[in-house]
């Protein structure tokens, strides 16, 4: 799914390490949304959703969007 959408692993790593914005999920307190603008992705915002559980991080890539409020 990630490759089919043209999303590179290095962009995911960037968003995880240095998000421009992060906030907790409104419905699930274990989830954190991390967002960053990816210039190589047409200046779109990449959202990576992280679930931290028992010291392990599970990562889900959300939509690439052109807005931070997406």
N, C-alpha and C. Protein backbone atom coordinates (compact mmCIF):
# COMPACT_ATOMS: atom_id res chain seq x y z
N UNK A 1 0.81 -1.19 0.00
CA UNK A 1 0.00 0.00 0.00
C UNK A 1 0.86 1.26 0.00
N UNK A 2 1.90 1.28 0.80
CA UNK A 2 2.75 2.47 0.88
C UNK A 2 3.45 2.70 -0.45
N UNK A 3 4.07 1.68 -1.00
CA UNK A 3 4.78 1.82 -2.27
C UNK A 3 3.82 2.16 -3.40
N UNK A 4 2.63 1.58 -3.39
CA UNK A 4 1.64 1.85 -4.44
C UNK A 4 1.22 3.31 -4.44
N UNK A 5 1.29 3.96 -3.29
CA UNK A 5 0.92 5.37 -3.18
C UNK A 5 2.12 6.29 -3.39
N UNK A 6 3.29 5.73 -3.65
CA UNK A 6 4.48 6.54 -3.90
C UNK A 6 5.10 7.11 -2.65
N UNK A 7 4.82 6.51 -1.50
CA UNK A 7 5.35 6.99 -0.22
C UNK A 7 6.63 6.22 0.09
N UNK A 8 7.70 6.96 0.33
CA UNK A 8 9.00 6.34 0.62
C UNK A 8 9.17 6.12 2.12
N UNK A 9 9.88 5.04 2.47
CA UNK A 9 10.16 4.73 3.87
C UNK A 9 10.90 5.87 4.55
N UNK A 10 11.80 6.52 3.84
CA UNK A 10 12.57 7.61 4.44
C UNK A 10 11.66 8.77 4.86
N UNK A 11 10.55 8.98 4.14
CA UNK A 11 9.60 10.03 4.53
C UNK A 11 8.88 9.66 5.81
N UNK A 12 8.53 8.39 5.92
CA UNK A 12 7.88 7.91 7.15
C UNK A 12 8.83 8.09 8.33
N UNK A 13 10.09 7.72 8.14
CA UNK A 13 11.09 7.87 9.19
C UNK A 13 11.25 9.34 9.59
N UNK A 14 11.21 10.23 8.61
CA UNK A 14 11.32 11.66 8.88
C UNK A 14 10.15 12.15 9.73
N UNK A 15 8.94 11.74 9.36
CA UNK A 15 7.75 12.16 10.10
C UNK A 15 7.79 11.60 11.53
N UNK A 16 8.24 10.38 11.69
CA UNK A 16 8.33 9.78 13.02
C UNK A 16 9.34 10.52 13.89
N UNK A 17 10.49 10.85 13.32
CA UNK A 17 11.56 11.47 14.09
C UNK A 17 11.37 12.97 14.30
N UNK A 18 10.83 13.66 13.30
CA UNK A 18 10.74 15.12 13.37
C UNK A 18 9.40 15.63 12.84
N UNK A 19 8.31 15.32 13.52
CA UNK A 19 7.02 15.81 13.02
C UNK A 19 6.92 17.33 13.17
N UNK A 20 6.26 17.97 12.20
CA UNK A 20 5.99 19.40 12.31
C UNK A 20 4.84 19.64 13.28
N UNK A 21 3.99 18.64 13.42
CA UNK A 21 2.83 18.72 14.30
C UNK A 21 2.52 17.31 14.79
N UNK A 22 2.13 17.20 16.04
CA UNK A 22 1.67 15.90 16.55
C UNK A 22 0.53 16.16 17.53
N UNK A 23 -0.39 15.21 17.57
CA UNK A 23 -1.52 15.33 18.50
C UNK A 23 -2.09 13.95 18.77
N UNK A 24 -2.71 13.79 19.95
CA UNK A 24 -3.33 12.51 20.27
C UNK A 24 -4.59 12.29 19.43
N UNK A 25 -4.92 11.04 19.22
CA UNK A 25 -6.13 10.69 18.50
C UNK A 25 -7.34 11.02 19.37
N UNK A 26 -8.39 11.52 18.74
CA UNK A 26 -9.58 11.92 19.49
C UNK A 26 -10.34 10.73 20.07
N UNK A 27 -10.24 9.57 19.43
CA UNK A 27 -11.02 8.41 19.86
C UNK A 27 -10.21 7.36 20.63
N UNK A 28 -8.91 7.31 20.40
CA UNK A 28 -8.08 6.26 21.00
C UNK A 28 -6.86 6.91 21.63
N UNK A 29 -6.79 6.91 22.94
CA UNK A 29 -5.70 7.60 23.64
C UNK A 29 -4.33 6.94 23.45
N UNK A 30 -4.30 5.73 22.93
CA UNK A 30 -3.01 5.08 22.65
C UNK A 30 -2.41 5.53 21.32
N UNK A 31 -3.18 6.25 20.51
CA UNK A 31 -2.71 6.67 19.19
C UNK A 31 -2.21 8.10 19.20
N UNK A 32 -1.15 8.35 18.45
CA UNK A 32 -0.63 9.70 18.25
C UNK A 32 -0.49 9.94 16.75
N UNK A 33 -0.99 11.06 16.27
CA UNK A 33 -0.87 11.45 14.87
C UNK A 33 0.35 12.36 14.74
N UNK A 34 1.25 12.03 13.83
CA UNK A 34 2.43 12.86 13.57
C UNK A 34 2.36 13.28 12.11
N UNK A 35 2.57 14.56 11.86
CA UNK A 35 2.42 15.11 10.51
C UNK A 35 3.63 15.95 10.13
N UNK A 36 3.96 15.93 8.85
CA UNK A 36 5.04 16.77 8.32
C UNK A 36 4.82 16.99 6.83
N UNK A 37 5.26 18.13 6.37
CA UNK A 37 5.20 18.44 4.94
C UNK A 37 6.38 17.74 4.27
N UNK A 38 6.10 17.03 3.18
CA UNK A 38 7.13 16.33 2.42
C UNK A 38 7.27 17.04 1.07
N UNK A 39 8.34 17.83 0.93
CA UNK A 39 8.51 18.62 -0.30
C UNK A 39 8.63 17.72 -1.53
N UNK A 40 9.28 16.57 -1.38
CA UNK A 40 9.44 15.64 -2.51
C UNK A 40 8.12 14.96 -2.90
N UNK A 41 7.11 15.13 -2.08
CA UNK A 41 5.79 14.52 -2.31
C UNK A 41 4.79 15.61 -2.73
N UNK A 42 5.32 16.59 -3.44
CA UNK A 42 4.49 17.67 -3.94
C UNK A 42 4.07 18.66 -2.87
N UNK A 43 4.84 18.72 -1.76
CA UNK A 43 4.51 19.63 -0.67
C UNK A 43 3.32 19.18 0.14
N UNK A 44 2.94 17.93 -0.02
CA UNK A 44 1.79 17.39 0.71
C UNK A 44 2.17 17.03 2.14
N UNK A 45 1.17 16.96 2.99
CA UNK A 45 1.38 16.58 4.38
C UNK A 45 1.23 15.07 4.49
N UNK A 46 2.21 14.44 5.13
CA UNK A 46 2.14 13.01 5.38
C UNK A 46 1.80 12.80 6.85
N UNK A 47 0.76 12.03 7.10
CA UNK A 47 0.33 11.71 8.47
C UNK A 47 0.76 10.27 8.77
N UNK A 48 1.47 10.10 9.88
CA UNK A 48 1.85 8.78 10.36
C UNK A 48 1.21 8.61 11.73
N UNK A 49 0.48 7.54 11.90
CA UNK A 49 -0.23 7.29 13.15
C UNK A 49 0.54 6.21 13.92
N UNK A 50 0.88 6.52 15.16
CA UNK A 50 1.70 5.63 15.98
C UNK A 50 0.87 5.13 17.15
N UNK A 51 0.91 3.83 17.38
CA UNK A 51 0.30 3.23 18.58
C UNK A 51 1.45 2.71 19.44
N UNK A 52 1.58 3.28 20.61
CA UNK A 52 2.62 2.86 21.52
C UNK A 52 2.00 1.92 22.55
N UNK A 53 2.47 0.70 22.58
CA UNK A 53 1.89 -0.30 23.47
C UNK A 53 3.01 -1.20 23.99
N UNK A 54 3.12 -1.28 25.30
CA UNK A 54 4.13 -2.13 25.95
C UNK A 54 5.54 -1.85 25.43
N UNK A 55 5.84 -0.58 25.20
CA UNK A 55 7.18 -0.20 24.77
C UNK A 55 7.45 -0.41 23.29
N UNK A 56 6.48 -0.93 22.54
CA UNK A 56 6.65 -1.15 21.12
C UNK A 56 5.81 -0.15 20.35
N UNK A 57 6.32 0.33 19.25
CA UNK A 57 5.56 1.27 18.42
C UNK A 57 5.04 0.55 17.19
N UNK A 58 3.75 0.65 16.96
CA UNK A 58 3.15 0.14 15.72
C UNK A 58 2.84 1.36 14.88
N UNK A 59 3.20 1.32 13.62
CA UNK A 59 3.06 2.48 12.76
C UNK A 59 2.05 2.20 11.66
N UNK A 60 1.17 3.18 11.43
CA UNK A 60 0.22 3.12 10.32
C UNK A 60 0.34 4.43 9.56
N UNK A 61 0.50 4.34 8.26
CA UNK A 61 0.60 5.54 7.45
C UNK A 61 -0.80 5.97 7.05
N UNK A 62 -1.10 7.20 7.37
CA UNK A 62 -2.40 7.76 7.00
C UNK A 62 -2.33 8.39 5.62
N UNK A 63 -3.28 9.22 5.33
CA UNK A 63 -3.37 9.82 4.02
C UNK A 63 -2.33 10.89 3.81
N UNK A 64 -1.85 11.00 2.59
CA UNK A 64 -1.05 12.14 2.19
C UNK A 64 -2.02 13.24 1.86
N UNK A 65 -1.85 14.39 2.42
CA UNK A 65 -2.82 15.47 2.23
C UNK A 65 -2.09 16.78 2.00
N UNK A 66 -2.81 17.76 1.55
CA UNK A 66 -2.19 19.07 1.34
C UNK A 66 -2.52 20.03 2.48
N UNK A 67 -3.09 19.51 3.57
CA UNK A 67 -3.46 20.36 4.72
C UNK A 67 -3.10 19.66 6.02
N UNK A 68 -2.79 20.43 7.04
CA UNK A 68 -2.51 19.85 8.36
C UNK A 68 -3.77 19.39 9.06
N UNK A 69 -4.94 19.92 8.69
CA UNK A 69 -6.17 19.56 9.39
C UNK A 69 -6.91 18.42 8.73
N UNK A 70 -6.27 17.74 7.81
CA UNK A 70 -6.92 16.64 7.09
C UNK A 70 -7.12 15.44 7.98
